[in-house]
């Protein structure tokens, strides 16, 4: 079972989503009416148990609902730059090999599936980057790489955007280049780590950046310079990681996006996450 959020009558409602494609609002399973999906991370096993007891007529199809970003207020979003050698080659940038190259994004950048990525007037070249997201499940501070994945609740699909022409003017402009509104899409579902890796091992998950139906760049998690456990451990030693914090683990490759494009993140067993592009 997965967690997600839908929009009904201008109200955001967290839901439980089954791998078979049906949806049940968490409120109908006893969750507080004002709950946020981020607040329900620890309750998914109980919600899933209650969901399985519901009669079929209490379930909705995925096609009948509109998904939003799973939640809107994580304490922080860590982005990881140049974590695949091929992406470093795209930018003619040196590949970080001793420590991850990371940055923080504000929650004002968040959008959900189907919502438009807006190209800002300050930039003439914006790229979209498909990435695997790690969702932190419990307070994480100074953890070892061996223990790190025990603090990861699950994974999600991400589209991370960059005003690449701004970044190329000066690498110190990274924060600005990454933080325009709509520059971080994630969802539609949050998938528990054990379920995401039940049939495909974490290193074998394949991440693809897709534009207008064409797979532009693809690679597996095994080809990251710094794998998921290393990223969690490293950043937990920089600052505390809180439940709902997101680590966007880097892209196998970026693609330039223009007005009218449709861009996707596809990840083995998770996707797709799809957004339109507007100027």
Protein backbone atom coordinates (compact mmCIF):
# COMPACT_ATOMS: atom_id res chain seq x y z
CA UNK A 1 0.00 0.00 0.00
CA UNK A 2 1.14 3.54 -0.80
CA UNK A 3 0.33 7.04 0.45
CA UNK A 4 -0.74 9.92 -1.78
CA UNK A 5 -2.88 13.04 -1.76
CA UNK A 6 -5.86 13.90 -3.96
CA UNK A 7 -7.78 17.13 -4.50
CA UNK A 8 -11.56 17.15 -4.10
CA UNK A 9 -13.71 20.29 -4.02
CA UNK A 10 -10.58 22.44 -3.54
CA UNK A 11 -9.58 20.35 -0.52
CA UNK A 12 -6.45 18.23 -0.26
CA UNK A 13 -7.11 14.74 1.15
CA UNK A 14 -4.47 12.09 1.95
CA UNK A 15 -5.33 8.66 0.58
CA UNK A 16 -4.16 5.08 0.70
CA UNK A 17 -3.43 3.70 -2.77
CA UNK A 18 -3.24 0.00 -3.57
CA UNK A 19 -0.82 -1.44 -6.13
CA UNK A 20 -3.96 -2.70 -7.91
CA UNK A 21 -5.07 0.86 -8.57
CA UNK A 22 -7.79 1.72 -6.09
CA UNK A 23 -7.87 4.63 -3.65
CA UNK A 24 -9.39 5.19 -0.19
CA UNK A 25 -9.30 8.55 1.65
CA UNK A 26 -7.43 8.19 4.94
CA UNK A 27 -10.17 10.13 6.72
CA UNK A 28 -12.60 7.30 5.95
CA UNK A 29 -10.17 4.93 7.68
CA UNK A 30 -10.12 6.92 10.92
CA UNK A 31 -7.33 9.41 10.22
CA UNK A 32 -7.92 12.96 11.51
CA UNK A 33 -9.85 15.12 9.06
CA UNK A 34 -7.05 17.70 8.97
CA UNK A 35 -4.21 15.16 8.63
CA UNK A 36 -1.47 15.61 6.06
CA UNK A 37 0.10 12.67 4.24
CA UNK A 38 3.44 13.53 5.84
CA UNK A 39 1.85 13.12 9.28
CA UNK A 40 0.51 9.70 8.31
CA UNK A 41 3.82 8.08 7.32
CA UNK A 42 4.01 6.08 10.55
CA UNK A 43 0.38 4.98 10.39
CA UNK A 44 0.35 3.40 6.92
CA UNK A 45 0.42 -0.24 8.17
CA UNK A 46 -2.71 0.34 10.26
CA UNK A 47 -4.43 2.26 7.45
CA UNK A 48 -3.56 -0.52 5.02
CA UNK A 49 -5.06 -3.13 7.35
CA UNK A 50 -8.30 -1.16 7.59
CA UNK A 51 -8.36 -0.63 3.83
CA UNK A 52 -8.27 -4.36 3.14
CA UNK A 53 -11.40 -4.80 5.28
CA UNK A 54 -13.45 -2.29 3.30
CA UNK A 55 -16.13 -3.54 0.91
CA UNK A 56 -15.32 -2.92 -2.77
CA UNK A 57 -17.96 -0.19 -3.11
CA UNK A 58 -15.99 1.99 -0.68
CA UNK A 59 -12.96 2.04 -2.98
CA UNK A 60 -12.31 4.42 -5.86
CA UNK A 61 -10.28 3.93 -8.99
CA UNK A 62 -7.09 5.91 -9.58
CA UNK A 63 -8.62 7.22 -12.79
CA UNK A 64 -11.50 8.83 -10.89
CA UNK A 65 -9.34 11.11 -8.70
CA UNK A 66 -6.91 14.00 -9.20
CA UNK A 67 -3.55 13.58 -7.49
CA UNK A 68 -1.63 16.44 -5.90
CA UNK A 69 1.85 16.60 -4.38
CA UNK A 70 1.80 14.12 -1.47
CA UNK A 71 2.52 16.97 0.96
CA UNK A 72 3.58 20.61 0.79
CA UNK A 73 5.59 21.39 3.92
CA UNK A 74 8.63 19.16 4.43
CA UNK A 75 11.14 20.61 6.84
CA UNK A 76 13.69 20.51 4.02
CA UNK A 77 14.49 19.20 0.58
CA UNK A 78 18.09 18.20 -0.10
CA UNK A 79 19.04 18.07 -3.76
CA UNK A 80 22.13 16.21 -4.97
CA UNK A 81 24.05 17.52 -7.95
CA UNK A 82 26.16 15.59 -10.46
CA UNK A 83 25.61 12.22 -8.79
CA UNK A 84 25.92 10.35 -12.10
CA UNK A 85 29.06 10.82 -14.16
CA UNK A 86 27.06 11.22 -17.38
CA UNK A 87 25.24 14.25 -15.99
CA UNK A 88 28.53 15.86 -14.99
CA UNK A 89 29.68 15.38 -18.57
CA UNK A 90 26.52 17.17 -19.80
CA UNK A 91 27.54 20.27 -17.88
CA UNK A 92 31.26 19.94 -18.50
CA UNK A 93 31.60 20.01 -14.71
CA UNK A 94 34.02 18.06 -12.51
CA UNK A 95 32.45 14.98 -10.94
CA UNK A 96 32.36 15.16 -7.12
CA UNK A 97 34.11 12.02 -5.85
CA UNK A 98 35.02 12.76 -2.23
CA UNK A 99 31.78 14.31 -0.99
CA UNK A 100 28.31 14.80 -2.49
CA UNK A 101 27.50 18.15 -4.09
CA UNK A 102 24.25 19.18 -2.45
CA UNK A 103 21.89 22.13 -2.10
CA UNK A 104 18.59 22.92 -0.39
CA UNK A 105 15.30 23.80 -2.07
CA UNK A 106 12.41 25.70 -0.50
CA UNK A 107 8.93 24.19 -0.23
CA UNK A 108 7.55 27.02 -2.41
CA UNK A 109 9.00 25.06 -5.36
CA UNK A 110 6.66 22.09 -4.82
CA UNK A 111 4.01 21.05 -7.34
CA UNK A 112 2.24 17.76 -7.92
CA UNK A 113 1.58 15.48 -10.87
CA UNK A 114 -0.14 17.09 -13.83
CA UNK A 115 0.52 20.63 -12.61
CA UNK A 116 2.46 23.00 -14.87
CA UNK A 117 6.16 23.68 -14.61
CA UNK A 118 6.46 27.43 -15.21
CA UNK A 119 9.50 28.69 -17.10
CA UNK A 120 10.66 31.90 -15.40
CA UNK A 121 11.33 35.04 -17.46
CA UNK A 122 14.83 35.26 -15.98
CA UNK A 123 15.93 32.09 -17.77
CA UNK A 124 16.17 31.08 -21.42
CA UNK A 125 17.28 27.51 -20.72
CA UNK A 126 15.47 25.43 -18.10
CA UNK A 127 16.11 21.72 -17.68
CA UNK A 128 14.04 18.99 -16.04
CA UNK A 129 15.72 16.11 -14.26
CA UNK A 130 14.10 12.82 -13.25
CA UNK A 131 15.30 11.66 -9.84
CA UNK A 132 14.66 9.05 -7.18
CA UNK A 133 13.46 10.66 -3.95
CA UNK A 134 14.15 9.28 -0.47
CA UNK A 135 11.54 10.04 2.20
CA UNK A 136 12.94 10.16 5.73
CA UNK A 137 10.74 8.30 8.20
CA UNK A 138 12.20 9.12 11.62
CA UNK A 139 14.61 11.52 13.25
CA UNK A 140 18.00 10.85 11.74
CA UNK A 141 21.22 12.35 13.08
CA UNK A 142 24.83 11.15 12.77
CA UNK A 143 23.88 7.71 11.48
CA UNK A 144 26.29 5.29 9.85
CA UNK A 145 26.02 4.25 6.23
CA UNK A 146 25.28 0.73 7.46
CA UNK A 147 22.22 1.91 9.41
CA UNK A 148 21.11 4.73 7.12
CA UNK A 149 18.43 2.96 5.10
CA UNK A 150 16.66 2.05 8.34
CA UNK A 151 15.70 5.73 8.58
CA UNK A 152 14.24 5.87 5.07
CA UNK A 153 10.45 5.44 5.06
CA UNK A 154 10.16 5.10 1.33
CA UNK A 155 10.76 6.46 -2.13
CA UNK A 156 9.01 8.60 -4.72
CA UNK A 157 9.43 9.96 -8.24
CA UNK A 158 10.76 13.51 -8.61
CA UNK A 159 11.19 16.07 -11.39
CA UNK A 160 13.79 18.63 -10.32
CA UNK A 161 14.16 21.75 -12.46
CA UNK A 162 17.18 24.00 -13.03
CA UNK A 163 17.59 27.37 -14.69
CA UNK A 164 20.72 26.05 -16.35
CA UNK A 165 21.82 29.25 -18.07
CA UNK A 166 21.83 31.04 -14.71
CA UNK A 167 23.85 28.24 -13.12
CA UNK A 168 26.38 28.22 -15.95
CA UNK A 169 27.08 31.91 -15.46
CA UNK A 170 28.45 31.15 -12.01
CA UNK A 171 28.25 27.97 -9.86
CA UNK A 172 27.53 30.19 -6.85
CA UNK A 173 24.13 30.94 -8.42
CA UNK A 174 22.98 27.35 -7.75
CA UNK A 175 20.45 28.27 -5.05
CA UNK A 176 18.77 30.80 -7.33
CA UNK A 177 18.85 28.48 -10.33
CA UNK A 178 17.11 25.73 -8.37
CA UNK A 179 14.49 27.67 -6.44
CA UNK A 180 11.98 29.20 -8.84
CA UNK A 181 8.34 28.27 -8.11
CA UNK A 182 7.25 24.92 -9.66
CA UNK A 183 10.86 23.68 -9.80
CA UNK A 184 10.16 20.57 -7.69
CA UNK A 185 7.46 18.07 -8.61
CA UNK A 186 6.98 14.83 -6.70
CA UNK A 187 4.46 12.02 -6.44
CA UNK A 188 1.96 10.81 -7.20
CA UNK A 189 2.59 8.13 -4.57
CA UNK A 190 4.95 7.59 -1.65
CA UNK A 191 6.00 3.95 -1.75
CA UNK A 192 7.39 2.21 1.36
CA UNK A 193 10.98 1.16 0.80
CA UNK A 194 10.26 -2.51 1.44
CA UNK A 195 7.51 -2.52 -1.20
CA UNK A 196 9.56 -0.56 -3.74
CA UNK A 197 12.39 -3.07 -3.45
CA UNK A 198 10.33 -6.26 -3.02
CA UNK A 199 10.96 -7.39 -6.60
CA UNK A 200 13.77 -5.07 -7.70
CA UNK A 201 16.75 -4.36 -5.45
CA UNK A 202 17.35 -0.69 -4.69
CA UNK A 203 20.57 -0.50 -6.76
CA UNK A 204 18.71 -1.97 -9.74
CA UNK A 205 15.92 0.62 -9.85
CA UNK A 206 16.07 2.43 -13.18
CA UNK A 207 15.46 6.18 -13.38
CA UNK A 208 14.54 7.78 -16.72
CA UNK A 209 14.05 11.38 -17.84
CA UNK A 210 11.35 11.43 -20.53
CA UNK A 211 10.28 14.34 -22.76
CA UNK A 212 7.23 14.18 -25.01
CA UNK A 213 7.15 10.40 -24.70
CA UNK A 214 10.80 9.88 -25.63
CA UNK A 215 13.24 8.47 -23.07
CA UNK A 216 16.08 11.00 -23.19
CA UNK A 217 18.32 9.74 -20.37
CA UNK A 218 18.23 6.63 -18.22
CA UNK A 219 20.44 4.89 -15.69
CA UNK A 220 20.23 2.68 -12.62
CA UNK A 221 20.73 3.62 -8.98
CA UNK A 222 23.81 1.39 -8.94
CA UNK A 223 25.56 3.96 -11.16
CA UNK A 224 25.28 6.78 -8.62
CA UNK A 225 28.60 8.06 -7.29
CA UNK A 226 27.02 8.28 -3.83
CA UNK A 227 24.28 5.72 -3.24
CA UNK A 228 21.15 6.26 -1.13
CA UNK A 229 22.68 4.99 2.13
CA UNK A 230 25.75 7.19 1.69
CA UNK A 231 23.58 10.26 1.02
CA UNK A 232 21.44 9.73 4.11
CA UNK A 233 24.45 9.11 6.33
CA UNK A 234 26.42 12.09 4.99
CA UNK A 235 23.59 14.60 5.32
CA UNK A 236 22.56 13.34 8.76
CA UNK A 237 26.03 14.39 9.87
CA UNK A 238 25.46 17.90 8.51
CA UNK A 239 22.10 18.49 10.20
CA UNK A 240 19.17 16.52 11.61
CA UNK A 241 16.86 14.87 9.09
CA UNK A 242 13.21 14.90 10.15
CA UNK A 243 10.25 12.71 9.14
CA UNK A 244 9.05 13.86 5.73
CA UNK A 245 12.37 15.41 4.71
CA UNK A 246 13.24 14.55 1.12
CA UNK A 247 16.59 13.73 -0.44
CA UNK A 248 16.46 14.02 -4.23
CA UNK A 249 19.31 11.74 -5.19
CA UNK A 250 20.46 13.18 -8.51
CA UNK A 251 19.56 12.63 -12.13
CA UNK A 252 20.90 10.30 -14.81
CA UNK A 253 20.52 13.21 -17.19
CA UNK A 254 18.71 16.51 -17.71
CA UNK A 255 16.63 17.57 -20.69
CA UNK A 256 15.90 21.11 -21.82
CA UNK A 257 12.18 21.89 -21.59
CA UNK A 258 10.15 24.40 -23.58
CA UNK A 259 6.62 25.74 -23.57
CA UNK A 260 4.19 22.95 -24.46
CA UNK A 261 6.46 20.03 -23.54
CA UNK A 262 5.36 17.13 -21.36
CA UNK A 263 8.13 15.82 -19.13
CA UNK A 264 8.14 12.66 -17.05
CA UNK A 265 10.07 10.82 -14.38
CA UNK A 266 9.84 7.07 -14.77
CA UNK A 267 11.22 4.77 -12.09
CA UNK A 268 10.93 0.99 -11.99
CA UNK A 269 7.67 0.14 -10.25
CA UNK A 270 6.83 3.71 -9.17
CA UNK A 271 5.89 5.95 -12.04
CA UNK A 272 5.22 7.80 -13.94
CA UNK A 273 5.27 11.36 -12.65
CA UNK A 274 4.20 13.66 -15.46
CA UNK A 275 4.06 17.48 -15.79
CA UNK A 276 3.35 19.95 -18.57
CA UNK A 277 5.56 22.95 -19.26
CA UNK A 278 4.35 26.54 -19.75
CA UNK A 279 6.06 29.90 -20.20
